[in-house]
């Protein structure tokens, strides 16, 4: 069962709902020294990318993003996570080190 939202607005500032984001986002981007235009989609994309980079479950991120399928999330974001393949392969045991408690046969 899904919990009912406490408010109809995604973001509140000083206790008041924010209805417009374009100007505040532009101002914040300028103050941050960004030299390219930033739109709300960039914030959404950053949210998903950060969750996945930090090891978030793809299925959970997919649901949070409102994607129709996990495949859609993987297709959209996995290319950004190039280090994921290396990190996954690094979890394999090293073939040169024997497992603890095992002995190598004499040659």
C-alpha atoms as a PDB file:
ATOM      1  CA  UNK A   1       0.000   0.000   0.000  1.00  0.00           C
ATOM      2  CA  UNK A   2       1.382   3.375  -0.990  1.00  0.00           C
ATOM      3  CA  UNK A   3       1.570   6.126   1.626  1.00  0.00           C
ATOM      4  CA  UNK A   4      -0.454   9.263   0.966  1.00  0.00           C
ATOM      5  CA  UNK A   5       1.607  12.362   0.191  1.00  0.00           C
ATOM      6  CA  UNK A   6       1.706  14.996   2.936  1.00  0.00           C
ATOM      7  CA  UNK A   7       1.568  17.763   0.365  1.00  0.00           C
ATOM      8  CA  UNK A   8       0.711  18.144  -3.287  1.00  0.00           C
ATOM      9  CA  UNK A   9       4.054  19.829  -3.960  1.00  0.00           C
ATOM     10  CA  UNK A  10       7.428  18.230  -4.555  1.00  0.00           C
ATOM     11  CA  UNK A  11       9.463  21.027  -2.961  1.00  0.00           C
ATOM     12  CA  UNK A  12       8.721  23.539  -0.238  1.00  0.00           C
ATOM     13  CA  UNK A  13      10.900  26.512   0.629  1.00  0.00           C
ATOM     14  CA  UNK A  14      10.442  28.337   3.943  1.00  0.00           C
ATOM     15  CA  UNK A  15       7.277  26.322   4.479  1.00  0.00           C
ATOM     16  CA  UNK A  16       5.702  27.507   1.237  1.00  0.00           C
ATOM     17  CA  UNK A  17       5.197  25.311  -1.823  1.00  0.00           C
ATOM     18  CA  UNK A  18       7.348  26.164  -4.823  1.00  0.00           C
ATOM     19  CA  UNK A  19       5.398  26.321  -8.041  1.00  0.00           C
ATOM     20  CA  UNK A  20       8.083  27.683 -10.344  1.00  0.00           C
ATOM     21  CA  UNK A  21      11.636  26.411 -10.622  1.00  0.00           C
ATOM     22  CA  UNK A  22      13.084  27.874 -13.765  1.00  0.00           C
ATOM     23  CA  UNK A  23      14.253  31.224 -12.348  1.00  0.00           C
ATOM     24  CA  UNK A  24      15.572  29.885  -8.990  1.00  0.00           C
ATOM     25  CA  UNK A  25      17.419  27.105 -10.827  1.00  0.00           C
ATOM     26  CA  UNK A  26      18.946  29.611 -13.232  1.00  0.00           C
ATOM     27  CA  UNK A  27      20.022  31.839 -10.319  1.00  0.00           C
ATOM     28  CA  UNK A  28      21.518  28.908  -8.398  1.00  0.00           C
ATOM     29  CA  UNK A  29      23.360  27.701 -11.511  1.00  0.00           C
ATOM     30  CA  UNK A  30      24.809  31.167 -12.068  1.00  0.00           C
ATOM     31  CA  UNK A  31      25.925  31.429  -8.413  1.00  0.00           C
ATOM     32  CA  UNK A  32      27.561  27.998  -8.725  1.00  0.00           C
ATOM     33  CA  UNK A  33      29.558  29.273 -11.693  1.00  0.00           C
ATOM     34  CA  UNK A  34      28.002  26.893 -14.215  1.00  0.00           C
ATOM     35  CA  UNK A  35      28.512  28.124 -17.749  1.00  0.00           C
ATOM     36  CA  UNK A  36      25.873  25.940 -19.398  1.00  0.00           C
ATOM     37  CA  UNK A  37      22.084  26.015 -19.072  1.00  0.00           C
ATOM     38  CA  UNK A  38      20.630  23.728 -16.374  1.00  0.00           C
ATOM     39  CA  UNK A  39      17.043  22.484 -16.542  1.00  0.00           C
ATOM     40  CA  UNK A  40      14.953  20.360 -14.152  1.00  0.00           C
ATOM     41  CA  UNK A  41      15.650  17.263 -16.246  1.00  0.00           C
ATOM     42  CA  UNK A  42      19.332  17.643 -15.299  1.00  0.00           C
ATOM     43  CA  UNK A  43      18.385  17.425 -11.608  1.00  0.00           C
ATOM     44  CA  UNK A  44      16.316  14.302 -12.250  1.00  0.00           C
ATOM     45  CA  UNK A  45      19.166  12.753 -14.241  1.00  0.00           C
ATOM     46  CA  UNK A  46      21.672  13.628 -11.490  1.00  0.00           C
ATOM     47  CA  UNK A  47      19.394  12.018  -8.892  1.00  0.00           C
ATOM     48  CA  UNK A  48      19.240   8.703 -10.743  1.00  0.00           C
ATOM     49  CA  UNK A  49      22.911   8.713 -11.704  1.00  0.00           C
ATOM     50  CA  UNK A  50      24.017   9.420  -8.133  1.00  0.00           C
ATOM     51  CA  UNK A  51      21.830   6.658  -6.723  1.00  0.00           C
ATOM     52  CA  UNK A  52      23.226   4.142  -9.197  1.00  0.00           C
ATOM     53  CA  UNK A  53      26.849   5.248  -8.748  1.00  0.00           C
ATOM     54  CA  UNK A  54      26.502   4.816  -5.009  1.00  0.00           C
ATOM     55  CA  UNK A  55      25.327   1.243  -5.499  1.00  0.00           C
ATOM     56  CA  UNK A  56      21.578   1.785  -5.475  1.00  0.00           C
ATOM     57  CA  UNK A  57      19.442  -1.115  -6.626  1.00  0.00           C
ATOM     58  CA  UNK A  58      18.498  -0.641 -10.277  1.00  0.00           C
ATOM     59  CA  UNK A  59      14.947  -1.894  -9.686  1.00  0.00           C
ATOM     60  CA  UNK A  60      14.454   0.563  -6.803  1.00  0.00           C
ATOM     61  CA  UNK A  61      15.852   3.466  -8.837  1.00  0.00           C
ATOM     62  CA  UNK A  62      13.608   2.452 -11.721  1.00  0.00           C
ATOM     63  CA  UNK A  63      10.537   2.656  -9.480  1.00  0.00           C
ATOM     64  CA  UNK A  64      11.627   5.998  -8.005  1.00  0.00           C
ATOM     65  CA  UNK A  65      12.070   7.418 -11.496  1.00  0.00           C
ATOM     66  CA  UNK A  66       8.661   6.148 -12.578  1.00  0.00           C
ATOM     67  CA  UNK A  67      10.118   4.141 -15.441  1.00  0.00           C
ATOM     68  CA  UNK A  68       7.909   1.504 -17.045  1.00  0.00           C
ATOM     69  CA  UNK A  69      10.616  -1.146 -16.698  1.00  0.00           C
ATOM     70  CA  UNK A  70      14.054  -1.799 -15.235  1.00  0.00           C
ATOM     71  CA  UNK A  71      15.296  -2.200 -18.818  1.00  0.00           C
ATOM     72  CA  UNK A  72      14.378   1.423 -19.484  1.00  0.00           C
ATOM     73  CA  UNK A  73      16.500   2.533 -16.503  1.00  0.00           C
ATOM     74  CA  UNK A  74      19.447   0.357 -17.539  1.00  0.00           C
ATOM     75  CA  UNK A  75      19.250   1.590 -21.131  1.00  0.00           C
ATOM     76  CA  UNK A  76      19.145   5.214 -19.969  1.00  0.00           C
ATOM     77  CA  UNK A  77      21.808   5.237 -17.230  1.00  0.00           C
ATOM     78  CA  UNK A  78      24.120   2.229 -17.377  1.00  0.00           C
ATOM     79  CA  UNK A  79      26.430   3.739 -20.004  1.00  0.00           C
ATOM     80  CA  UNK A  80      27.327   6.438 -17.481  1.00  0.00           C
ATOM     81  CA  UNK A  81      28.552   3.879 -14.984  1.00  0.00           C
ATOM     82  CA  UNK A  82      31.666   2.617 -16.770  1.00  0.00           C
ATOM     83  CA  UNK A  83      33.342   1.774 -13.476  1.00  0.00           C
ATOM     84  CA  UNK A  84      30.571  -0.687 -12.624  1.00  0.00           C
ATOM     85  CA  UNK A  85      32.023  -3.436 -14.815  1.00  0.00           C
ATOM     86  CA  UNK A  86      35.480  -3.063 -13.265  1.00  0.00           C
ATOM     87  CA  UNK A  87      34.036  -2.959  -9.752  1.00  0.00           C
ATOM     88  CA  UNK A  88      31.975  -6.079 -10.414  1.00  0.00           C
ATOM     89  CA  UNK A  89      34.928  -7.991 -11.879  1.00  0.00           C
ATOM     90  CA  UNK A  90      37.125  -6.898  -8.959  1.00  0.00           C
ATOM     91  CA  UNK A  91      34.816  -8.877  -6.662  1.00  0.00           C
ATOM     92  CA  UNK A  92      35.979 -12.133  -8.245  1.00  0.00           C
ATOM     93  CA  UNK A  93      38.577 -14.048  -6.224  1.00  0.00           C
ATOM     94  CA  UNK A  94      42.105 -13.764  -7.540  1.00  0.00           C
ATOM     95  CA  UNK A  95      43.249 -16.958  -9.313  1.00  0.00           C
ATOM     96  CA  UNK A  96      46.797 -16.482  -8.012  1.00  0.00           C
ATOM     97  CA  UNK A  97      45.814 -16.540  -4.330  1.00  0.00           C
ATOM     98  CA  UNK A  98      44.494 -19.763  -2.796  1.00  0.00           C
ATOM     99  CA  UNK A  99      41.380 -19.524  -0.666  1.00  0.00           C
ATOM    100  CA  UNK A 100      42.062 -19.262   3.034  1.00  0.00           C
ATOM    101  CA  UNK A 101      42.412 -22.731   4.612  1.00  0.00           C
ATOM    102  CA  UNK A 102      43.307 -24.471   1.349  1.00  0.00           C
ATOM    103  CA  UNK A 103      46.718 -25.706   0.287  1.00  0.00           C
ATOM    104  CA  UNK A 104      48.218 -25.899  -3.178  1.00  0.00           C
ATOM    105  CA  UNK A 105      49.417 -29.301  -4.387  1.00  0.00           C
ATOM    106  CA  UNK A 106      53.172 -29.784  -4.639  1.00  0.00           C
ATOM    107  CA  UNK A 107      54.496 -29.490  -8.150  1.00  0.00           C
END
